[in-house]
Amino acid sequence: MRTLANKEPLKPSTMRLNNGLIAVCMGPSGAGKTSLLETLLPDYGPVCVLDIDGKAHVLRDHDDVDVYPCHTWQELDGYLQDLERQSLHPQYKTLVVDGTTYMQVKLAWGKHKVDSIDNAQLRQTAYGKANADMLDFGTRVRILAERGMYVIYNIWSMLEGQEGEAGKRIQPDLTGTMLTRFLGGLDFVVYLEPNAPPKPYPPVMRTGGSQLYATRTAVSPDSPLRDLPALIYNPSWASIFDSYRGEPWPTERHNK
């Protein structure tokens, strides 16, 4: 057995079992990203929701779901500092950043006054500082996950061209730099896709890598999510997290 400093190495699968997971839930506005958070209970609660885009009012009242309005970068940093202080004895099992795109545009840009700068060079510098804030936030959240907290980023998505066209795909509404950095810090990506079928049936959720959705490497090569069906009906966050941790997907419950 190879060792360093008298410590044995860990396999990534073991690290995933010991750590919390970080996921992105991506979909258009109104797809149900926020509403799906209720399925975290009771297995992955208590849940802390940082409500950045002001849409958490769609949640029902639950004893184990706490919503914190977050309108400025200073507020966001204050919440994160408290989570960091509590991380060895956390109050919450899951942290949800609801409105990640708003965090980038409204909070980070607002802090550096990007929109008010006329000089192109200075504007680019301020924009770079805003990106640095976002990357710092992602790094701090990764540390929280390594201490056992589960993290969900809710991100809007947009379609570049019509679905199915050559070279067209659905992407998170983030800059290219942010997209690459966020994908590098994720364990997996979940897509909520509302459909308009000829007869009523539930929205469809896709999981795992997808060429159309530009996430070829978002799921690790040994992830159980790779063996799940392409279309899953009536999923829950608990089932998704459990499956990633190695428990069998509850086929009878979800394949309706």
Protein backbone atom coordinates (compact mmCIF):
# COMPACT_ATOMS: atom_id res chain seq x y z
CA MET A 1 0.00 0.00 0.00
CA ARG A 2 1.40 3.38 -1.00
CA THR A 3 1.41 6.02 1.75
CA LEU A 4 2.23 9.68 2.35
CA ALA A 5 2.99 11.04 5.84
CA ASN A 6 2.04 7.60 7.20
CA LYS A 7 -1.49 7.98 5.76
CA GLU A 8 -3.13 5.60 3.32
CA PRO A 9 -4.71 7.08 0.18
CA LEU A 10 -8.48 7.24 -0.34
CA LYS A 11 -10.40 6.22 -3.43
CA PRO A 12 -12.79 8.82 -4.91
CA SER A 13 -15.75 6.52 -4.21
CA THR A 14 -14.81 6.46 -0.50
CA MET A 15 -14.50 10.25 -0.47
CA ARG A 16 -17.99 10.59 -1.91
CA LEU A 17 -19.38 8.40 0.86
CA ASN A 18 -17.68 10.43 3.57
CA ASN A 19 -18.31 13.89 2.11
CA GLY A 20 -21.38 15.79 1.11
CA LEU A 21 -22.17 16.06 -2.59
CA ILE A 22 -22.42 19.17 -4.76
CA ALA A 23 -25.02 19.23 -7.52
CA VAL A 24 -26.45 21.72 -9.99
CA CYS A 25 -30.17 21.60 -10.70
CA MET A 26 -30.65 23.24 -14.08
CA GLY A 27 -33.80 24.14 -15.98
CA PRO A 28 -35.85 27.02 -17.36
CA SER A 29 -37.75 29.36 -15.08
CA GLY A 30 -40.82 27.61 -13.71
CA ALA A 31 -39.51 24.08 -14.28
CA GLY A 32 -39.78 23.24 -10.58
CA LYS A 33 -36.19 23.58 -9.35
CA THR A 34 -37.23 25.29 -6.12
CA SER A 35 -40.32 23.15 -5.53
CA LEU A 36 -38.21 19.98 -5.82
CA LEU A 37 -36.33 21.00 -2.65
CA GLU A 38 -39.18 19.70 -0.52
CA THR A 39 -38.23 16.16 -1.56
CA LEU A 40 -35.02 16.51 0.49
CA LEU A 41 -37.06 15.89 3.64
CA PRO A 42 -36.63 14.04 5.88
CA ASP A 43 -33.46 12.26 4.71
CA TYR A 44 -31.40 15.32 3.79
CA GLY A 45 -32.76 17.95 6.15
CA PRO A 46 -32.58 20.35 7.85
CA VAL A 47 -32.25 22.45 4.69
CA CYS A 48 -30.84 25.98 4.46
CA VAL A 49 -32.12 27.88 1.40
CA LEU A 50 -30.33 31.08 0.42
CA ASP A 51 -33.07 32.81 -1.58
CA ILE A 52 -31.25 35.07 -4.01
CA ASP A 53 -33.82 35.40 -6.80
CA GLY A 54 -36.85 35.78 -4.51
CA LYS A 55 -38.68 32.64 -5.62
CA ALA A 56 -38.53 30.50 -2.46
CA HIS A 57 -42.06 31.61 -1.55
CA VAL A 58 -43.29 28.68 -3.72
CA LEU A 59 -42.12 26.29 -0.98
CA ARG A 60 -44.58 25.13 1.62
CA ASP A 61 -43.85 25.72 5.31
CA HIS A 62 -41.71 22.96 6.83
CA ASP A 63 -40.02 22.80 10.23
CA ASP A 64 -36.81 21.58 8.59
CA VAL A 65 -36.64 24.06 5.70
CA ASP A 66 -35.30 27.52 6.58
CA VAL A 67 -35.25 30.29 3.95
CA TYR A 68 -32.85 33.24 4.25
CA PRO A 69 -33.48 36.19 1.88
CA CYS A 70 -30.20 37.26 0.29
CA HIS A 71 -30.12 40.58 -1.62
CA THR A 72 -26.49 41.72 -1.35
CA TRP A 73 -23.05 40.16 -1.56
CA GLN A 74 -22.42 41.20 2.04
CA GLU A 75 -25.48 39.23 3.17
CA LEU A 76 -24.34 36.20 1.21
CA ASP A 77 -20.85 36.39 2.70
CA GLY A 78 -22.31 36.72 6.21
CA TYR A 79 -24.40 33.56 5.77
CA LEU A 80 -21.40 31.69 4.39
CA GLN A 81 -19.14 32.80 7.25
CA ASP A 82 -21.65 31.48 9.77
CA LEU A 83 -21.93 28.16 7.92
CA GLU A 84 -18.14 27.92 7.94
CA ARG A 85 -18.01 28.56 11.70
CA GLN A 86 -20.64 25.88 12.29
CA SER A 87 -19.20 23.36 9.85
CA LEU A 88 -17.80 20.98 12.48
CA HIS A 89 -21.21 20.88 14.21
CA PRO A 90 -23.58 22.05 11.45
CA GLN A 91 -27.21 23.02 11.96
CA TYR A 92 -28.03 22.09 8.36
CA LYS A 93 -27.45 18.95 6.34
CA THR A 94 -28.13 20.57 2.95
CA LEU A 95 -27.35 24.06 1.64
CA VAL A 96 -29.30 25.33 -1.38
CA VAL A 97 -28.20 28.38 -3.36
CA ASP A 98 -31.48 29.26 -5.05
CA GLY A 99 -30.79 31.72 -7.86
CA THR A 100 -27.12 31.18 -8.72
CA THR A 101 -27.37 33.27 -11.90
CA TYR A 102 -28.74 36.18 -9.88
CA MET A 103 -25.81 35.71 -7.51
CA GLN A 104 -23.45 36.21 -10.43
CA VAL A 105 -25.20 39.11 -12.10
CA LYS A 106 -26.89 41.06 -9.30
CA LEU A 107 -24.70 40.34 -6.29
CA ALA A 108 -21.19 40.06 -7.71
CA TRP A 109 -21.68 42.75 -10.34
CA GLY A 110 -23.44 45.00 -7.85
CA LYS A 111 -20.52 44.82 -5.46
CA HIS A 112 -18.10 46.02 -8.15
CA LYS A 113 -20.52 48.42 -9.93
CA VAL A 114 -19.88 46.78 -13.29
CA ASP A 115 -22.89 48.34 -14.99
CA SER A 116 -21.91 51.89 -13.99
CA ILE A 117 -18.40 51.77 -15.52
CA ASP A 118 -18.08 53.36 -18.98
CA ASN A 119 -14.38 52.70 -19.52
CA ALA A 120 -14.15 49.30 -21.27
CA GLN A 121 -10.83 48.34 -19.67
CA LEU A 122 -11.97 49.24 -16.15
CA ARG A 123 -15.28 47.49 -16.78
CA GLN A 124 -13.45 44.29 -17.75
CA THR A 125 -11.32 44.56 -14.59
CA ALA A 126 -14.44 44.93 -12.43
CA TYR A 127 -16.08 42.03 -14.23
CA GLY A 128 -12.99 39.91 -13.52
CA LYS A 129 -13.25 40.79 -9.81
CA ALA A 130 -16.91 39.75 -9.83
CA ASN A 131 -15.92 36.39 -11.35
CA ALA A 132 -13.24 36.04 -8.68
CA ASP A 133 -15.91 36.50 -6.01
CA MET A 134 -17.95 33.72 -7.59
CA LEU A 135 -14.96 31.39 -7.75
CA ASP A 136 -14.12 32.14 -4.12
CA PHE A 137 -17.70 31.33 -3.15
CA GLY A 138 -17.52 28.00 -5.03
CA THR A 139 -14.26 27.07 -3.30
CA ARG A 140 -15.68 27.83 0.15
CA VAL A 141 -18.78 25.79 -0.60
CA ARG A 142 -16.59 22.85 -1.71
CA ILE A 143 -14.89 22.95 1.70
CA LEU A 144 -18.31 22.80 3.38
CA ALA A 145 -19.12 19.71 1.28
CA GLU A 146 -15.85 18.09 2.31
CA ARG A 147 -17.01 18.51 5.90
CA GLY A 148 -20.23 16.64 5.18
CA MET A 149 -22.74 19.21 3.91
CA TYR A 150 -24.79 18.59 0.75
CA VAL A 151 -24.99 21.53 -1.64
CA ILE A 152 -27.42 22.28 -4.47
CA TYR A 153 -27.04 25.16 -6.91
CA ASN A 154 -30.27 26.05 -8.72
CA ILE A 155 -29.37 27.58 -12.09
CA TRP A 156 -31.55 28.81 -14.93
CA SER A 157 -30.92 27.31 -18.35
CA MET A 158 -31.32 28.70 -21.84
CA LEU A 159 -31.60 27.06 -25.26
CA GLU A 160 -29.12 28.10 -27.95
CA GLY A 161 -31.21 27.46 -31.05
CA GLN A 162 -33.87 24.81 -31.39
CA GLU A 163 -33.42 21.51 -29.58
CA GLY A 164 -32.05 18.87 -31.92
CA GLU A 165 -30.34 21.27 -34.33
CA ALA A 166 -26.71 20.45 -35.09
CA GLY A 167 -24.39 22.33 -32.76
CA LYS A 168 -27.23 23.63 -30.60
CA ARG A 169 -27.42 22.86 -26.91
CA ILE A 170 -28.92 23.95 -23.62
CA GLN A 171 -26.54 25.75 -21.27
CA PRO A 172 -26.62 27.26 -17.80
CA ASP A 173 -27.10 31.01 -17.93
CA LEU A 174 -23.54 31.65 -16.75
CA THR A 175 -20.50 33.10 -18.49
CA GLY A 176 -18.14 30.65 -20.16
CA THR A 177 -15.58 31.09 -17.39
CA MET A 178 -18.14 30.45 -14.68
CA LEU A 179 -19.54 27.43 -16.52
CA THR A 180 -16.17 25.69 -16.75
CA ARG A 181 -15.26 26.46 -13.12
CA PHE A 182 -18.63 25.33 -11.80
CA LEU A 183 -18.55 22.06 -13.74
CA GLY A 184 -15.13 21.35 -12.28
CA GLY A 185 -16.53 21.65 -8.75
CA LEU A 186 -19.62 19.50 -9.18
CA ASP A 187 -20.40 15.87 -8.49
CA PHE A 188 -23.29 15.79 -10.94
CA VAL A 189 -25.86 17.85 -12.83
CA VAL A 190 -29.63 17.38 -12.80
CA TYR A 191 -31.94 18.81 -15.47
CA LEU A 192 -35.57 19.70 -15.00
CA GLU A 193 -37.39 19.77 -18.31
CA PRO A 194 -41.08 20.71 -18.45
CA ASN A 195 -42.83 19.16 -21.45
CA ALA A 196 -46.12 19.87 -23.19
CA PRO A 197 -47.35 16.36 -24.07
CA PRO A 198 -50.68 15.56 -25.73
CA LYS A 199 -51.92 14.09 -22.44
CA PRO A 200 -51.00 15.12 -18.88
CA TYR A 201 -47.96 13.51 -17.27
CA PRO A 202 -45.27 14.74 -14.86
CA PRO A 203 -42.26 16.86 -15.88
CA VAL A 204 -39.22 14.89 -16.98
CA MET A 205 -35.88 15.04 -15.23
CA ARG A 206 -32.68 14.08 -16.99
CA THR A 207 -29.59 13.05 -15.03
CA GLY A 208 -26.02 12.48 -16.07
CA GLY A 209 -23.88 13.66 -18.99
CA SER A 210 -25.49 14.89 -22.19
CA GLN A 211 -24.09 16.25 -25.43
CA LEU A 212 -27.20 18.36 -25.93
CA TYR A 213 -26.79 19.88 -22.46
CA ALA A 214 -23.00 20.32 -22.78
CA THR A 215 -22.12 18.29 -19.67
CA ARG A 216 -20.10 15.38 -21.05
CA THR A 217 -17.90 15.13 -17.94
CA ALA A 218 -20.29 16.30 -15.22
CA VAL A 219 -20.74 12.75 -13.91
CA SER A 220 -17.73 10.76 -12.74
CA PRO A 221 -16.92 7.59 -14.75
CA ASP A 222 -17.89 5.22 -11.91
CA SER A 223 -21.06 7.05 -10.92
CA PRO A 224 -24.22 4.90 -10.55
CA LEU A 225 -26.05 7.72 -12.35
CA ARG A 226 -24.51 6.53 -15.62
CA ASP A 227 -26.62 3.36 -15.40
CA LEU A 228 -29.92 5.15 -14.81
CA PRO A 229 -32.47 5.47 -17.63
CA ALA A 230 -32.30 8.60 -19.78
CA LEU A 231 -35.75 9.75 -18.68
CA ILE A 232 -36.90 9.51 -15.09
CA TYR A 233 -40.39 10.40 -13.92
CA ASN A 234 -41.35 11.80 -10.51
CA PRO A 235 -37.84 11.83 -9.05
CA SER A 236 -36.81 13.16 -5.66
CA TRP A 237 -33.57 14.64 -4.40
CA ALA A 238 -33.32 11.89 -1.78
CA SER A 239 -33.46 9.19 -4.49
CA ILE A 240 -30.86 11.01 -6.59
CA PHE A 241 -28.43 11.47 -3.70
CA ASP A 242 -28.99 7.89 -2.48
CA SER A 243 -28.32 6.50 -5.96
CA TYR A 244 -25.12 8.45 -6.28
CA ARG A 245 -24.03 7.02 -2.94
CA GLY A 246 -24.54 3.50 -4.28
CA GLU A 247 -28.10 2.56 -3.27
CA PRO A 248 -30.26 1.01 -6.03
CA TRP A 249 -32.53 3.42 -7.88
CA PRO A 250 -36.16 2.89 -6.71
CA THR A 251 -37.42 1.87 -10.15
CA GLU A 252 -40.95 0.90 -9.15
CA ARG A 253 -41.50 4.20 -7.38
CA HIS A 254 -40.20 6.46 -10.14
CA ASN A 255 -40.80 4.75 -13.49
CA LYS A 256 -44.47 5.62 -13.94
